[in-house]
Amino acid sequence: MNRLLIKRVYEPAAVEDGFRVLVDRVWPRGVSKGHADLDEWMRDIAPTPALRTWWDHDPARMVEFAQRYEAELDANESEVRHLAAVVSAHPTVTLLYGAHDPVVNHARILRDYVLRRLVDDFDS
C-alpha cells in the first residue's frame, strides 16, 4: 500500500515527502507559496470554519472533534474520493498542516480516515 504521511507545512520539504498536499482551509501564516513546495492545496477537505472554531485545538475535545470531522468527511464525498485517488496514484503522499501540535490536529484524523477508506475500497 502507498504511504500517507503527515507533516507541518513549516518543516522543510524533503524528497521523502513525495506528493505534497496542503489540507488546511486557510493559507498558513508566514509561509510563502514557494517555500511550501506544494503539489496541491485541498482547502475544501479541511474542517469547516464552524467546526474549527468550536474545536479551537482543545485536546479535551479531540474525540468529539474527530467524530464531527469524520461526519463532515462522510458528507464530502468528492473531496475524499479525490484525495484517495491522489494517494493511490503516488507511492508517497504527505498531508501538510499548519497546527503547532503534531498530535492535536485534523491532518491525523484525515490520514486515518483516508487509510480506512482505501482499505475498505480494496476489500470491496
Protein backbone atom coordinates (compact mmCIF):
# COMPACT_ATOMS: atom_id res chain seq x y z
CA MET A 1 0.00 0.00 0.00
CA ASN A 2 1.13 3.55 -0.67
CA ARG A 3 2.45 5.66 2.19
CA LEU A 4 0.34 8.50 3.58
CA LEU A 5 2.30 10.78 5.90
CA ILE A 6 1.56 13.99 7.77
CA LYS A 7 3.92 16.89 8.37
CA ARG A 8 3.85 20.52 9.48
CA VAL A 9 3.97 22.84 6.49
CA TYR A 10 6.60 24.86 8.37
CA GLU A 11 9.10 21.98 8.18
CA PRO A 12 11.40 21.95 5.14
CA ALA A 13 10.26 19.96 2.13
CA ALA A 14 12.08 16.68 1.60
CA VAL A 15 12.31 14.24 -1.29
CA GLU A 16 10.84 11.59 1.05
CA ASP A 17 7.60 13.64 1.25
CA GLY A 18 6.58 12.55 -2.22
CA PHE A 19 3.43 14.34 -3.42
CA ARG A 20 2.76 17.24 -1.00
CA VAL A 21 -0.84 18.29 -0.27
CA LEU A 22 -1.80 21.17 1.99
CA VAL A 23 -5.01 20.22 3.81
CA ASP A 24 -5.74 23.48 5.67
CA ARG A 25 -8.62 25.75 4.72
CA VAL A 26 -6.56 28.92 5.19
CA TRP A 27 -3.04 29.55 3.97
CA PRO A 28 -0.52 29.11 6.83
CA ARG A 29 0.86 32.36 8.25
CA GLY A 30 4.40 33.24 7.35
CA VAL A 31 4.78 30.58 4.64
CA SER A 32 5.44 31.77 1.12
CA LYS A 33 3.91 29.76 -1.67
CA GLY A 34 7.39 28.97 -2.95
CA HIS A 35 8.61 27.75 0.44
CA ALA A 36 5.61 25.46 0.87
CA ASP A 37 6.68 23.46 -2.19
CA LEU A 38 3.15 22.13 -2.74
CA ASP A 39 1.81 19.85 -5.39
CA GLU A 40 -1.80 20.59 -4.44
CA TRP A 41 -3.87 22.59 -1.96
CA MET A 42 -7.09 20.84 -0.92
CA ARG A 43 -8.71 23.52 1.24
CA ASP A 44 -12.20 22.03 0.98
CA ILE A 45 -11.19 18.78 2.70
CA ALA A 46 -10.28 20.68 5.89
CA PRO A 47 -12.78 21.06 8.74
CA THR A 48 -15.43 23.71 8.18
CA PRO A 49 -14.82 27.08 9.82
CA ALA A 50 -17.65 26.42 12.29
CA LEU A 51 -16.15 23.09 13.39
CA ARG A 52 -12.66 24.54 13.59
CA THR A 53 -13.90 27.43 15.75
CA TRP A 54 -15.80 25.05 18.07
CA TRP A 55 -12.78 22.76 18.47
CA ASP A 56 -10.18 25.52 18.94
CA HIS A 57 -7.46 22.79 19.03
CA ASP A 58 -8.59 21.84 22.54
CA PRO A 59 -7.14 18.38 23.37
CA ALA A 60 -10.14 17.70 25.63
CA ARG A 61 -12.43 17.96 22.58
CA MET A 62 -10.30 15.80 20.29
CA VAL A 63 -12.52 12.69 20.41
CA GLU A 64 -15.71 14.62 19.68
CA PHE A 65 -13.92 16.74 17.10
CA ALA A 66 -12.78 13.57 15.31
CA GLN A 67 -16.35 12.27 15.21
CA ARG A 68 -17.70 15.57 13.87
CA TYR A 69 -14.91 15.93 11.32
CA GLU A 70 -15.40 12.38 10.07
CA ALA A 71 -19.11 13.16 9.66
CA GLU A 72 -18.10 16.16 7.54
CA LEU A 73 -15.79 13.93 5.51
CA ASP A 74 -18.62 11.42 5.01
CA ALA A 75 -20.66 14.26 3.51
CA ASN A 76 -17.74 15.49 1.38
CA GLU A 77 -17.52 12.50 -0.95
CA SER A 78 -15.98 14.25 -3.95
CA GLU A 79 -13.05 15.68 -1.98
CA VAL A 80 -12.42 12.40 -0.15
CA ARG A 81 -12.58 10.48 -3.41
CA HIS A 82 -10.13 12.93 -4.98
CA LEU A 83 -7.64 12.58 -2.10
CA ALA A 84 -7.95 8.80 -2.20
CA ALA A 85 -7.15 8.92 -5.94
CA VAL A 86 -4.11 11.11 -5.25
CA VAL A 87 -2.90 8.64 -2.61
CA SER A 88 -3.45 5.71 -4.97
CA ALA A 89 -1.54 7.47 -7.77
CA HIS A 90 1.64 8.22 -5.80
CA PRO A 91 3.96 5.97 -3.78
CA THR A 92 4.12 8.58 -1.01
CA VAL A 93 1.77 11.44 -0.21
CA THR A 94 2.35 13.89 2.63
CA LEU A 95 -0.56 15.82 4.10
CA LEU A 96 0.66 19.22 5.25
CA TYR A 97 -0.96 21.13 8.10
CA GLY A 98 -0.23 24.37 9.94
CA ALA A 99 -1.19 23.49 13.53
CA HIS A 100 1.53 23.64 16.17
CA ASP A 101 0.71 20.33 17.85
CA PRO A 102 1.81 17.19 15.98
CA VAL A 103 -0.89 15.15 17.75
CA VAL A 104 -3.80 17.56 18.18
CA ASN A 105 -4.53 18.39 14.56
CA HIS A 106 -7.04 17.47 11.90
CA ALA A 107 -4.46 16.01 9.49
CA ARG A 108 -4.04 12.94 11.72
CA ILE A 109 -7.78 12.31 11.61
CA LEU A 110 -7.87 12.86 7.85
CA ARG A 111 -4.93 10.48 7.28
CA ASP A 112 -6.56 7.72 9.34
CA TYR A 113 -9.93 8.28 7.65
CA VAL A 114 -8.45 8.05 4.14
CA LEU A 115 -6.40 4.97 5.02
CA ARG A 116 -9.52 3.22 6.36
CA ARG A 117 -11.37 4.26 3.21
CA LEU A 118 -8.66 2.85 0.95
CA VAL A 119 -8.64 -0.45 2.85
CA ASP A 120 -12.44 -0.65 2.71
CA ASP A 121 -12.42 0.09 -1.05
CA PHE A 122 -9.70 -2.54 -1.57
CA ASP A 123 -11.68 -5.14 0.39
CA SER A 124 -14.86 -4.46 -1.61
